[in-house]
Amino acid sequence: MSAISRKGIPVFEIEISGRHTEILADSGASVNILPEQVYNALPTQPALEPCMNRIFPFSSSRPLEVVGKLQAKVQYKDTSRIVSFVVVKTTEIPIIGWNTCQALGLLKAVNKRQKEDITDEFSDVFSGLGKLQDHNVKLYIDKTIQPVAQKYRRIPFHIRKQLDKHLDKEEEMGVIEKATGPTPWVSSLVTVLKPKNPDEIRVCVESSKHCNQKRKTQHTYSE
């Protein structure tokens, strides 16, 4: 008894009243459907009872012809259940509805978690700026390249207060720190007003022409 691949269609082989039968697992079906010809082929035929329900196929306004209903033992792998079926006059494959699919372990419900659920559950990770602490990083440097100190780039007067506020905030958060002495490498600041919020600025460092040349790219190979 196993799952059978039919181009992505959830078809399983299960045992109904002692007979191995292919069925279609349909999460949208509210009842279990057993074709009359499959019922007639069962080695042990459960007694049929009258059924007044009207069964409609998907996207059809014409109901199926109902023969009756029954209770049968169904087994899939190590799981068995007593299942209700509606017997109909059709030549299609038997259909197992959502509730029975869950009971037999044919299909499982997967609940999509919202982003807020995860951020609330792990608020200690998702609150604040986020910074890797107490971790040493090794940079591979090309020592043959001479250090470069870029010229000071003038900051427009009308955004200097915003820049001071931004730098103070990042220093307080531990993102940047003041240089305490001379350094052979100096990069210029580039300030840009944020389009959607002109009261805030974006501060970048111009390092594409010099600093990136000094850094080596390491490639890891596995045998």
Protein backbone atom coordinates (compact mmCIF):
# COMPACT_ATOMS: atom_id res chain seq x y z
CA MET A 1 0.00 0.00 0.00
CA SER A 2 1.73 3.14 -1.16
CA ALA A 3 1.48 6.44 -2.99
CA ILE A 4 1.40 6.16 -6.78
CA SER A 5 2.75 8.93 -8.99
CA ARG A 6 0.41 10.14 -11.75
CA LYS A 7 1.97 13.40 -12.87
CA GLY A 8 1.42 15.09 -9.54
CA ILE A 9 -2.07 13.67 -8.90
CA PRO A 10 -2.38 12.40 -5.28
CA VAL A 11 -3.30 8.78 -6.01
CA PHE A 12 -2.75 6.19 -3.27
CA GLU A 13 -3.18 2.46 -3.01
CA ILE A 14 -5.18 1.51 0.08
CA GLU A 15 -7.14 -1.49 1.28
CA ILE A 16 -10.96 -1.28 1.37
CA SER A 17 -12.70 -4.27 2.98
CA GLY A 18 -9.74 -6.51 2.16
CA ARG A 19 -9.27 -5.32 -1.45
CA HIS A 20 -6.30 -3.25 -2.61
CA THR A 21 -7.69 -0.29 -4.50
CA GLU A 22 -6.31 2.90 -5.99
CA ILE A 23 -8.01 6.01 -4.66
CA LEU A 24 -7.77 9.74 -5.26
CA ALA A 25 -7.06 11.88 -2.19
CA ASP A 26 -9.20 14.99 -2.63
CA SER A 27 -8.80 17.69 0.03
CA GLY A 28 -11.83 19.50 -1.37
CA ALA A 29 -14.22 16.55 -1.08
CA SER A 30 -16.64 16.52 1.86
CA VAL A 31 -17.62 12.83 1.44
CA ASN A 32 -15.91 9.59 0.42
CA ILE A 33 -17.05 8.26 -2.96
CA LEU A 34 -17.01 4.56 -3.91
CA PRO A 35 -17.98 3.60 -7.48
CA GLU A 36 -20.55 0.80 -7.67
CA GLN A 37 -18.24 -1.41 -9.75
CA VAL A 38 -15.56 -1.19 -7.04
CA TYR A 39 -18.15 -2.02 -4.40
CA ASN A 40 -19.24 -5.10 -6.38
CA ALA A 41 -15.61 -6.26 -6.56
CA LEU A 42 -15.07 -6.18 -2.78
CA PRO A 43 -14.48 -9.66 -1.33
CA THR A 44 -16.63 -8.73 1.65
CA GLN A 45 -19.43 -6.38 0.72
CA PRO A 46 -20.74 -4.24 3.60
CA ALA A 47 -24.49 -3.81 3.68
CA LEU A 48 -25.83 -0.83 1.77
CA GLU A 49 -28.11 1.63 3.49
CA PRO A 50 -30.39 4.21 1.90
CA CYS A 51 -28.76 7.59 1.27
CA MET A 52 -30.78 10.73 0.66
CA ASN A 53 -27.75 12.99 0.12
CA ARG A 54 -27.24 14.64 -3.25
CA ILE A 55 -23.61 14.46 -4.39
CA PHE A 56 -22.36 16.96 -6.96
CA PRO A 57 -19.04 16.66 -8.80
CA PHE A 58 -16.77 19.69 -8.80
CA SER A 59 -18.03 22.54 -11.02
CA SER A 60 -21.12 20.56 -12.04
CA SER A 61 -24.80 21.23 -11.39
CA ARG A 62 -25.77 17.66 -12.19
CA PRO A 63 -25.74 15.30 -9.17
CA LEU A 64 -24.30 11.79 -9.25
CA GLU A 65 -26.65 8.82 -9.16
CA VAL A 66 -26.43 7.53 -5.58
CA VAL A 67 -26.85 3.78 -4.90
CA GLY A 68 -26.51 3.93 -1.12
CA LYS A 69 -24.05 4.37 1.71
CA LEU A 70 -21.97 1.95 3.77
CA GLN A 71 -19.34 1.58 6.50
CA ALA A 72 -16.10 -0.19 5.53
CA LYS A 73 -12.72 -0.87 7.07
CA VAL A 74 -9.99 1.06 5.30
CA GLN A 75 -6.25 0.58 5.86
CA TYR A 76 -3.26 2.58 4.67
CA LYS A 77 0.13 1.29 5.81
CA ASP A 78 -0.22 0.78 9.58
CA THR A 79 -3.31 2.95 10.00
CA SER A 80 -6.85 1.59 9.75
CA ARG A 81 -10.21 3.29 10.19
CA ILE A 82 -13.91 2.53 9.79
CA VAL A 83 -14.93 4.89 7.01
CA SER A 84 -18.28 5.97 5.58
CA PHE A 85 -18.67 5.79 1.79
CA VAL A 86 -21.36 6.93 -0.59
CA VAL A 87 -21.72 4.39 -3.41
CA VAL A 88 -22.46 5.99 -6.79
CA LYS A 89 -22.94 4.83 -10.37
CA THR A 90 -19.69 6.03 -11.91
CA THR A 91 -16.64 4.47 -13.52
CA GLU A 92 -14.23 6.96 -11.96
CA ILE A 93 -11.61 6.18 -9.32
CA PRO A 94 -12.77 6.12 -5.66
CA ILE A 95 -12.37 9.44 -3.86
CA ILE A 96 -11.28 9.91 -0.26
CA GLY A 97 -12.33 13.24 1.29
CA TRP A 98 -10.35 15.60 3.46
CA ASN A 99 -11.30 14.31 6.91
CA THR A 100 -10.53 10.69 6.02
CA CYS A 101 -7.28 11.73 4.31
CA GLN A 102 -6.14 13.29 7.56
CA ALA A 103 -7.28 10.30 9.63
CA LEU A 104 -5.31 7.88 7.42
CA GLY A 105 -2.28 10.16 7.10
CA LEU A 106 -2.63 10.56 3.34
CA LEU A 107 -2.57 14.36 3.46
CA LYS A 108 -1.41 16.80 6.09
CA ALA A 109 -2.45 20.39 6.69
CA VAL A 110 0.34 22.95 6.45
CA ASN A 111 -0.46 26.29 8.06
CA LYS A 112 1.34 29.24 6.51
CA ARG A 113 2.87 31.29 9.27
CA GLN A 114 2.67 35.04 9.04
CA LYS A 115 5.80 37.13 9.33
CA GLU A 116 4.47 38.73 12.50
CA ASP A 117 4.09 35.31 14.16
CA ILE A 118 7.80 34.62 13.76
CA THR A 119 9.01 38.09 14.72
CA ASP A 120 6.81 38.09 17.84
CA GLU A 121 7.96 34.61 18.90
CA PHE A 122 11.64 35.49 18.47
CA SER A 123 11.46 39.17 19.42
CA ASP A 124 14.94 39.04 20.99
CA VAL A 125 16.39 38.39 17.53
CA PHE A 126 14.20 40.71 15.46
CA SER A 127 14.18 43.78 17.71
CA GLY A 128 16.64 46.63 17.23
CA LEU A 129 19.23 47.02 14.51
CA GLY A 130 20.76 43.58 14.78
CA LYS A 131 24.50 43.16 15.21
CA LEU A 132 26.83 40.19 15.37
CA GLN A 133 28.66 40.44 18.69
CA ASP A 134 31.79 38.84 20.11
CA HIS A 135 32.86 37.37 16.79
CA ASN A 136 36.27 37.85 15.19
CA VAL A 137 36.42 38.10 11.41
CA LYS A 138 39.62 37.57 9.44
CA LEU A 139 40.09 39.78 6.38
CA TYR A 140 42.60 38.64 3.78
CA ILE A 141 44.63 41.69 2.75
CA ASP A 142 46.86 42.23 -0.26
CA LYS A 143 49.86 43.89 1.38
CA THR A 144 51.35 44.95 -1.96
CA ILE A 145 48.74 47.69 -2.40
CA GLN A 146 49.60 51.08 -0.92
CA PRO A 147 47.08 52.66 1.48
CA VAL A 148 45.03 55.53 0.10
CA ALA A 149 43.54 58.48 1.98
CA GLN A 150 40.74 60.00 -0.04
CA LYS A 151 40.19 63.72 -0.04
CA TYR A 152 37.54 65.15 2.21
CA ARG A 153 34.25 65.45 0.38
CA ARG A 154 32.36 68.59 1.33
CA ILE A 155 28.99 68.03 2.95
CA PRO A 156 26.16 70.34 1.80
CA PHE A 157 25.43 72.85 4.53
CA HIS A 158 21.68 72.17 4.63
CA ILE A 159 22.15 68.52 5.65
CA ARG A 160 25.03 68.87 8.12
CA LYS A 161 22.73 68.80 11.15
CA GLN A 162 21.07 65.67 9.82
CA LEU A 163 24.48 64.09 9.29
CA ASP A 164 25.63 64.91 12.83
CA LYS A 165 22.42 63.44 14.22
CA HIS A 166 22.83 60.31 12.09
CA LEU A 167 26.47 59.76 13.10
CA ASP A 168 25.68 60.29 16.80
CA LYS A 169 22.89 57.74 16.59
CA GLU A 170 25.05 55.12 14.86
CA GLU A 171 27.87 55.68 17.34
CA GLU A 172 25.44 55.23 20.22
CA MET A 173 24.16 52.00 18.66
CA GLY A 174 27.69 50.67 18.23
CA VAL A 175 27.59 50.67 14.43
CA ILE A 176 30.55 53.05 14.10
CA GLU A 177 33.24 54.35 16.44
CA LYS A 178 35.51 57.38 16.40
CA ALA A 179 39.07 57.00 15.19
CA THR A 180 41.49 57.60 18.07
CA GLY A 181 44.61 58.12 16.00
CA PRO A 182 46.06 58.35 12.49
CA THR A 183 44.96 55.76 9.96
CA PRO A 184 46.54 55.04 6.56
CA TRP A 185 43.15 54.40 4.97
CA VAL A 186 40.55 57.18 4.71
CA SER A 187 37.30 56.98 2.75
CA SER A 188 34.91 59.80 1.92
CA LEU A 189 31.34 60.03 3.13
CA VAL A 190 28.53 60.15 0.60
CA THR A 191 25.22 61.53 1.85
CA VAL A 192 21.92 61.10 0.02
CA LEU A 193 18.48 62.32 1.01
CA LYS A 194 15.95 59.50 1.25
CA PRO A 195 13.33 60.04 -1.50
CA LYS A 196 10.37 58.95 0.60
CA ASN A 197 11.53 60.79 3.72
CA PRO A 198 13.54 63.95 2.94
CA ASP A 199 14.03 64.58 6.67
CA GLU A 200 16.35 61.54 6.83
CA ILE A 201 19.60 60.88 5.01
CA ARG A 202 21.40 57.79 3.83
CA VAL A 203 25.11 57.75 4.68
CA CYS A 204 27.48 55.67 2.57
CA VAL A 205 31.24 55.25 2.33
CA GLU A 206 33.03 55.64 -0.99
CA SER A 207 35.35 52.63 -0.99
CA SER A 208 34.88 51.08 -4.42
CA LYS A 209 37.99 52.63 -5.96
CA HIS A 210 40.57 51.86 -3.30
CA CYS A 211 39.65 49.72 -0.31
CA ASN A 212 38.14 46.90 -2.32
CA GLN A 213 41.38 46.49 -4.25
CA LYS A 214 43.26 45.69 -1.07
CA ARG A 215 40.92 42.90 -0.04
CA LYS A 216 41.50 39.42 -1.44
CA THR A 217 38.71 37.07 -2.40
CA GLN A 218 39.12 33.63 -0.90
CA HIS A 219 37.75 30.58 -2.68
CA THR A 220 37.16 27.33 -0.83
CA TYR A 221 37.52 24.07 -2.68
CA SER A 222 36.30 20.69 -1.47
CA GLU A 223 37.75 17.38 -2.59
